[in-house]
C-alpha atoms as a PDB file:
ATOM      1  CA  MET A   1      88.842 102.482  26.477  1.00  0.00           C
ATOM      2  CA  ALA A   2      89.109 106.355  27.681  1.00  0.00           C
ATOM      3  CA  THR A   3      88.924 106.848  31.079  1.00  0.00           C
ATOM      4  CA  GLY A   4      90.123 110.971  30.980  1.00  0.00           C
ATOM      5  CA  ARG A   5      93.083 110.279  32.766  1.00  0.00           C
ATOM      6  CA  LYS A   6      96.891 110.549  30.750  1.00  0.00           C
ATOM      7  CA  GLY A   7      98.855 107.287  31.865  1.00  0.00           C
ATOM      8  CA  SER A   8      96.034 105.264  32.874  1.00  0.00           C
ATOM      9  CA  THR A   9      97.625 102.535  31.279  1.00  0.00           C
ATOM     10  CA  SER A  10      98.487  99.769  33.775  1.00  0.00           C
ATOM     11  CA  LYS A  11     101.893  98.462  34.978  1.00  0.00           C
ATOM     12  CA  ALA A  12     103.468  95.552  35.736  1.00  0.00           C
ATOM     13  CA  GLY A  13     103.052  94.648  39.217  1.00  0.00           C
ATOM     14  CA  GLY A  14     100.312  94.674  41.869  1.00  0.00           C
ATOM     15  CA  VAL A  15      99.176  95.071  44.992  1.00  0.00           C
ATOM     16  CA  ARG A  16     101.168  92.043  47.732  1.00  0.00           C
ATOM     17  CA  PHE A  17      99.566  91.572  51.171  1.00  0.00           C
ATOM     18  CA  PRO A  18     101.489  90.335  53.483  1.00  0.00           C
ATOM     19  CA  ASP A  19     101.579  86.945  54.643  1.00  0.00           C
ATOM     20  CA  ASP A  20     100.902  85.271  58.235  1.00  0.00           C
ATOM     21  CA  ASP A  21     104.438  83.883  58.017  1.00  0.00           C
ATOM     22  CA  GLU A  22     106.212  87.620  57.256  1.00  0.00           C
ATOM     23  CA  PRO A  23     109.484  87.694  58.512  1.00  0.00           C
ATOM     24  CA  PRO A  24     110.286  89.581  61.840  1.00  0.00           C
ATOM     25  CA  GLY A  25     111.253  93.275  60.135  1.00  0.00           C
ATOM     26  CA  SER A  26     108.081  92.980  58.141  1.00  0.00           C
ATOM     27  CA  PRO A  27     105.860  95.882  58.710  1.00  0.00           C
ATOM     28  CA  THR A  28     102.872  92.981  59.917  1.00  0.00           C
ATOM     29  CA  ARG A  29     102.997  89.621  61.072  1.00  0.00           C
ATOM     30  CA  ARG A  30     101.160  87.231  62.807  1.00  0.00           C
ATOM     31  CA  ASP A  31     101.796  86.622  66.777  1.00  0.00           C
ATOM     32  CA  ASP A  32     101.494  82.736  66.891  1.00  0.00           C
ATOM     33  CA  GLN A  33     101.437  82.889  70.669  1.00  0.00           C
ATOM     34  CA  SER A  34      97.816  84.655  70.807  1.00  0.00           C
ATOM     35  CA  ASN A  35      96.439  84.250  67.222  1.00  0.00           C
ATOM     36  CA  LEU A  36      96.533  88.271  67.127  1.00  0.00           C
ATOM     37  CA  SER A  37      98.276  89.806  64.692  1.00  0.00           C
ATOM     38  CA  SER A  38      99.829  92.748  65.438  1.00  0.00           C
ATOM     39  CA  LEU A  39     102.302  95.780  63.587  1.00  0.00           C
ATOM     40  CA  ILE A  40     105.981  95.824  64.343  1.00  0.00           C
ATOM     41  CA  ALA A  41     107.780  99.051  65.009  1.00  0.00           C
ATOM     42  CA  ILE A  42     110.490 100.115  63.267  1.00  0.00           C
ATOM     43  CA  LEU A  43     113.939 101.386  64.730  1.00  0.00           C
ATOM     44  CA  GLU A  44     114.350 104.639  63.475  1.00  0.00           C
ATOM     45  CA  LYS A  45     118.095 106.542  63.309  1.00  0.00           C
ATOM     46  CA  ASP A  46     117.343 108.660  66.163  1.00  0.00           C
ATOM     47  CA  GLY A  47     117.192 105.588  68.380  1.00  0.00           C
ATOM     48  CA  SER A  48     112.944 105.843  68.864  1.00  0.00           C
ATOM     49  CA  TYR A  49     111.345 103.497  66.799  1.00  0.00           C
ATOM     50  CA  LEU A  50     108.111 103.886  64.277  1.00  0.00           C
ATOM     51  CA  VAL A  51     104.883 102.147  64.137  1.00  0.00           C
ATOM     52  CA  LYS A  52     102.742 103.086  60.425  1.00  0.00           C
ATOM     53  CA  ALA A  53      99.208 102.302  61.595  1.00  0.00           C
ATOM     54  CA  GLY A  54      98.290 103.025  58.035  1.00  0.00           C
ATOM     55  CA  PHE A  55      94.798 104.774  56.474  1.00  0.00           C
ATOM     56  CA  LEU A  56      92.390 105.534  59.293  1.00  0.00           C
ATOM     57  CA  LYS A  57      88.895 107.483  58.758  1.00  0.00           C
ATOM     58  CA  SER A  58      88.638 110.835  61.097  1.00  0.00           C
ATOM     59  CA  HIS A  59      86.684 111.054  64.106  1.00  0.00           C
ATOM     60  CA  HIS A  60      86.524 107.345  65.026  1.00  0.00           C
ATOM     61  CA  CYS A  61      87.999 105.385  67.461  1.00  0.00           C
ATOM     62  CA  TYR A  62      90.352 102.553  66.810  1.00  0.00           C
ATOM     63  CA  GLU A  63      92.208  99.763  68.174  1.00  0.00           C
ATOM     64  CA  ILE A  64      96.076  99.107  67.634  1.00  0.00           C
ATOM     65  CA  VAL A  65      98.802  96.654  68.565  1.00  0.00           C
ATOM     66  CA  PHE A  66     102.024  96.943  68.082  1.00  0.00           C
ATOM     67  CA  THR A  67     105.061  95.316  68.746  1.00  0.00           C
ATOM     68  CA  VAL A  68     108.497  96.567  69.445  1.00  0.00           C
ATOM     69  CA  PRO A  69     111.175  94.212  68.601  1.00  0.00           C
ATOM     70  CA  ASP A  70     113.504  93.206  71.489  1.00  0.00           C
ATOM     71  CA  VAL A  71     115.601  95.842  73.227  1.00  0.00           C
ATOM     72  CA  PRO A  72     118.148  95.345  75.601  1.00  0.00           C
ATOM     73  CA  THR A  73     118.318  97.785  77.818  1.00  0.00           C
ATOM     74  CA  VAL A  74     114.229  97.194  78.338  1.00  0.00           C
ATOM     75  CA  GLY A  75     113.103  95.429  81.323  1.00  0.00           C
ATOM     76  CA  LYS A  76     110.377  93.372  81.700  1.00  0.00           C
ATOM     77  CA  GLU A  77     108.473  95.846  83.683  1.00  0.00           C
ATOM     78  CA  LEU A  78     107.001  98.668  81.820  1.00  0.00           C
ATOM     79  CA  SER A  79     104.893 101.165  82.141  1.00  0.00           C
ATOM     80  CA  CYS A  80     104.098 104.341  79.854  1.00  0.00           C
ATOM     81  CA  LEU A  81     105.212 107.840  81.150  1.00  0.00           C
ATOM     82  CA  PRO A  82     102.329 110.316  81.370  1.00  0.00           C
ATOM     83  CA  SER A  83     102.414 112.776  77.803  1.00  0.00           C
ATOM     84  CA  CYS A  84     104.321 116.054  78.137  1.00  0.00           C
ATOM     85  CA  SER A  85     101.838 118.098  75.692  1.00  0.00           C
ATOM     86  CA  PRO A  86      98.716 119.495  77.633  1.00  0.00           C
ATOM     87  CA  SER A  87      97.324 121.254  75.603  1.00  0.00           C
ATOM     88  CA  ARG A  88      95.376 117.677  74.409  1.00  0.00           C
ATOM     89  CA  LYS A  89      92.282 116.671  76.436  1.00  0.00           C
ATOM     90  CA  PRO A  90      91.663 114.001  76.089  1.00  0.00           C
ATOM     91  CA  PRO A  91      94.335 113.067  75.037  1.00  0.00           C
ATOM     92  CA  SER A  92      93.712 110.763  71.268  1.00  0.00           C
ATOM     93  CA  LEU A  93      96.270 107.842  72.444  1.00  0.00           C
ATOM     94  CA  ARG A  94      96.010 105.457  75.865  1.00  0.00           C
ATOM     95  CA  ILE A  95      97.230 102.470  76.106  1.00  0.00           C
ATOM     96  CA  HIS A  96      95.594  99.759  77.620  1.00  0.00           C
ATOM     97  CA  ARG A  97      97.930  97.018  78.069  1.00  0.00           C
ATOM     98  CA  ILE A  98     101.899  96.568  77.451  1.00  0.00           C
ATOM     99  CA  ASN A  99     103.601  93.087  77.763  1.00  0.00           C
ATOM    100  CA  SER A 100     106.684  91.373  77.414  1.00  0.00           C
ATOM    101  CA  THR A 101     106.668  88.569  74.935  1.00  0.00           C
ATOM    102  CA  LEU A 102     109.287  86.485  73.575  1.00  0.00           C
ATOM    103  CA  GLU A 103     109.786  88.983  70.748  1.00  0.00           C
ATOM    104  CA  GLY A 104     110.000  92.158  72.296  1.00  0.00           C
ATOM    105  CA  VAL A 105     107.725  94.617  73.768  1.00  0.00           C
ATOM    106  CA  LYS A 106     103.750  93.902  73.060  1.00  0.00           C
ATOM    107  CA  VAL A 107     101.628  97.232  73.602  1.00  0.00           C
ATOM    108  CA  LEU A 108      97.948  96.800  73.532  1.00  0.00           C
ATOM    109  CA  CYS A 109      96.306 100.945  72.713  1.00  0.00           C
ATOM    110  CA  GLU A 110      93.160 102.973  71.715  1.00  0.00           C
ATOM    111  CA  TYR A 111      93.502 105.393  69.171  1.00  0.00           C
ATOM    112  CA  ARG A 112      90.796 108.452  68.704  1.00  0.00           C
ATOM    113  CA  THR A 113      90.922 110.301  65.798  1.00  0.00           C
ATOM    114  CA  ASN A 114      90.489 114.071  65.256  1.00  0.00           C
ATOM    115  CA  GLN A 115      90.882 115.392  62.232  1.00  0.00           C
ATOM    116  CA  GLU A 116      92.225 114.698  58.508  1.00  0.00           C
ATOM    117  CA  GLY A 117      95.835 114.846  57.164  1.00  0.00           C
ATOM    118  CA  VAL A 118      99.429 112.805  58.118  1.00  0.00           C
ATOM    119  CA  LEU A 119      99.173 112.705  62.457  1.00  0.00           C
ATOM    120  CA  GLN A 120     101.949 111.272  64.728  1.00  0.00           C
ATOM    121  CA  GLU A 121     101.165 110.436  68.626  1.00  0.00           C
ATOM    122  CA  GLU A 122     104.410 109.652  70.810  1.00  0.00           C
ATOM    123  CA  ILE A 123     104.338 107.314  74.151  1.00  0.00           C
ATOM    124  CA  THR A 124     107.119 106.897  76.165  1.00  0.00           C
ATOM    125  CA  LEU A 125     107.588 103.010  77.476  1.00  0.00           C
ATOM    126  CA  ALA A 126     109.750 103.468  81.115  1.00  0.00           C
ATOM    127  CA  THR A 127     111.268 100.245  82.803  1.00  0.00           C
ATOM    128  CA  LYS A 128     109.588 100.499  86.173  1.00  0.00           C
ATOM    129  CA  GLY A 129     112.443 101.179  88.758  1.00  0.00           C
ATOM    130  CA  ARG A 130     114.991 102.531  85.846  1.00  0.00           C
ATOM    131  CA  LYS A 131     115.012 106.307  85.073  1.00  0.00           C
ATOM    132  CA  ASP A 132     117.407 105.952  82.043  1.00  0.00           C
ATOM    133  CA  THR A 133     115.780 103.109  80.581  1.00  0.00           C
ATOM    134  CA  ASN A 134     112.938 104.859  78.236  1.00  0.00           C
ATOM    135  CA  LEU A 135     111.828 103.872  74.765  1.00  0.00           C
ATOM    136  CA  LYS A 136     110.601 106.102  72.642  1.00  0.00           C
ATOM    137  CA  VAL A 137     107.491 105.151  69.874  1.00  0.00           C
ATOM    138  CA  ARG A 138     106.302 107.079  67.518  1.00  0.00           C
ATOM    139  CA  LEU A 139     102.277 105.848  66.330  1.00  0.00           C
ATOM    140  CA  GLN A 140     101.384 107.553  62.638  1.00  0.00           C
ATOM    141  CA  ALA A 141      98.886 107.488  60.874  1.00  0.00           C
ATOM    142  CA  LYS A 142      97.034 109.054  58.007  1.00  0.00           C
ATOM    143  CA  VAL A 143      93.392 109.557  58.351  1.00  0.00           C
ATOM    144  CA  ILE A 144      91.147 110.446  56.246  1.00  0.00           C
ATOM    145  CA  ASP A 145      87.760 112.240  55.948  1.00  0.00           C
ATOM    146  CA  PRO A 146      85.171 109.896  56.867  1.00  0.00           C
ATOM    147  CA  HIS A 147      83.171 110.434  53.459  1.00  0.00           C
ATOM    148  CA  HIS A 148      85.962 109.993  51.591  1.00  0.00           C
ATOM    149  CA  GLY A 149      85.090 106.120  51.973  1.00  0.00           C
ATOM    150  CA  THR A 150      86.227 103.131  54.463  1.00  0.00           C
ATOM    151  CA  PRO A 151      90.130 102.384  54.764  1.00  0.00           C
ATOM    152  CA  MET A 152      91.183  99.046  54.752  1.00  0.00           C
ATOM    153  CA  LEU A 153      92.615  98.251  57.990  1.00  0.00           C
ATOM    154  CA  LEU A 154      95.810  97.069  58.301  1.00  0.00           C
ATOM    155  CA  GLU A 155      96.940  93.753  60.276  1.00  0.00           C
ATOM    156  CA  GLY A 156      96.883  94.954  63.966  1.00  0.00           C
ATOM    157  CA  VAL A 157      94.229  98.229  63.509  1.00  0.00           C
ATOM    158  CA  ARG A 158      90.490  97.189  64.520  1.00  0.00           C
ATOM    159  CA  CYS A 159      88.358  99.694  64.138  1.00  0.00           C
ATOM    160  CA  LEU A 160      85.323 100.075  67.564  1.00  0.00           C
ATOM    161  CA  GLY A 161      83.376 102.556  65.683  1.00  0.00           C
ATOM    162  CA  ALA A 162      82.128 106.104  65.614  1.00  0.00           C
ATOM    163  CA  LYS A 163      83.465 108.254  67.726  1.00  0.00           C
ATOM    164  CA  LYS A 164      79.543 109.029  69.383  1.00  0.00           C
ATOM    165  CA  ASP A 165      79.373 105.711  68.984  1.00  0.00           C
ATOM    166  CA  VAL A 166      82.035 104.609  71.558  1.00  0.00           C
ATOM    167  CA  LEU A 167      81.228 107.458  73.728  1.00  0.00           C
ATOM    168  CA  SER A 168      77.426 105.942  74.046  1.00  0.00           C
ATOM    169  CA  LYS A 169      78.771 102.474  74.316  1.00  0.00           C
ATOM    170  CA  GLN A 170      80.839 103.193  77.533  1.00  0.00           C
ATOM    171  CA  SER A 171      78.681 105.409  79.069  1.00  0.00           C
ATOM    172  CA  SER A 172      75.950 103.121  79.050  1.00  0.00           C
ATOM    173  CA  GLU A 173      78.044 100.243  80.283  1.00  0.00           C
ATOM    174  CA  ARG A 174      79.263 102.877  82.902  1.00  0.00           C
ATOM    175  CA  LYS A 175      75.635 103.208  84.034  1.00  0.00           C
ATOM    176  CA  LYS A 176      75.323  99.576  84.209  1.00  0.00           C
ATOM    177  CA  ILE A 177      77.746  98.710  86.846  1.00  0.00           C
END
């Protein structure tokens, strides 16, 4: 059967999905303590960490949970430093919670996609009381047009809905309060 594409013969191999018992260096792993899965940040050569969130849909809002493996220079009380980029309003990436766990630092954030392409957002985590103890984390995602289907999300990434839907829910909740 012809498909109209050159080289359409299948090759040996296949798609491999991460298991719940992935080793610590794997991109995704289930956190046994909270039954929430999270992405694992990968150490880069420059000392910063990279979190790959996979494919996301443009003009949507996502909840992303990732873990930065234990770093000895980072203390228990962490906060997120404000972004140095005043050009972007409102911010695309908002940190909701930072927890120190046995495995490292677990971060829960909200990411609002505005455009298509390979996008990166950078956050800086700092230990309270220590000026020189900063941890740079880059969140990277491939954002596709909303008309090109629905991407399969990685464990640790949850779609909260289209930006219009999420904004209307938040405004209606504020009116109730």
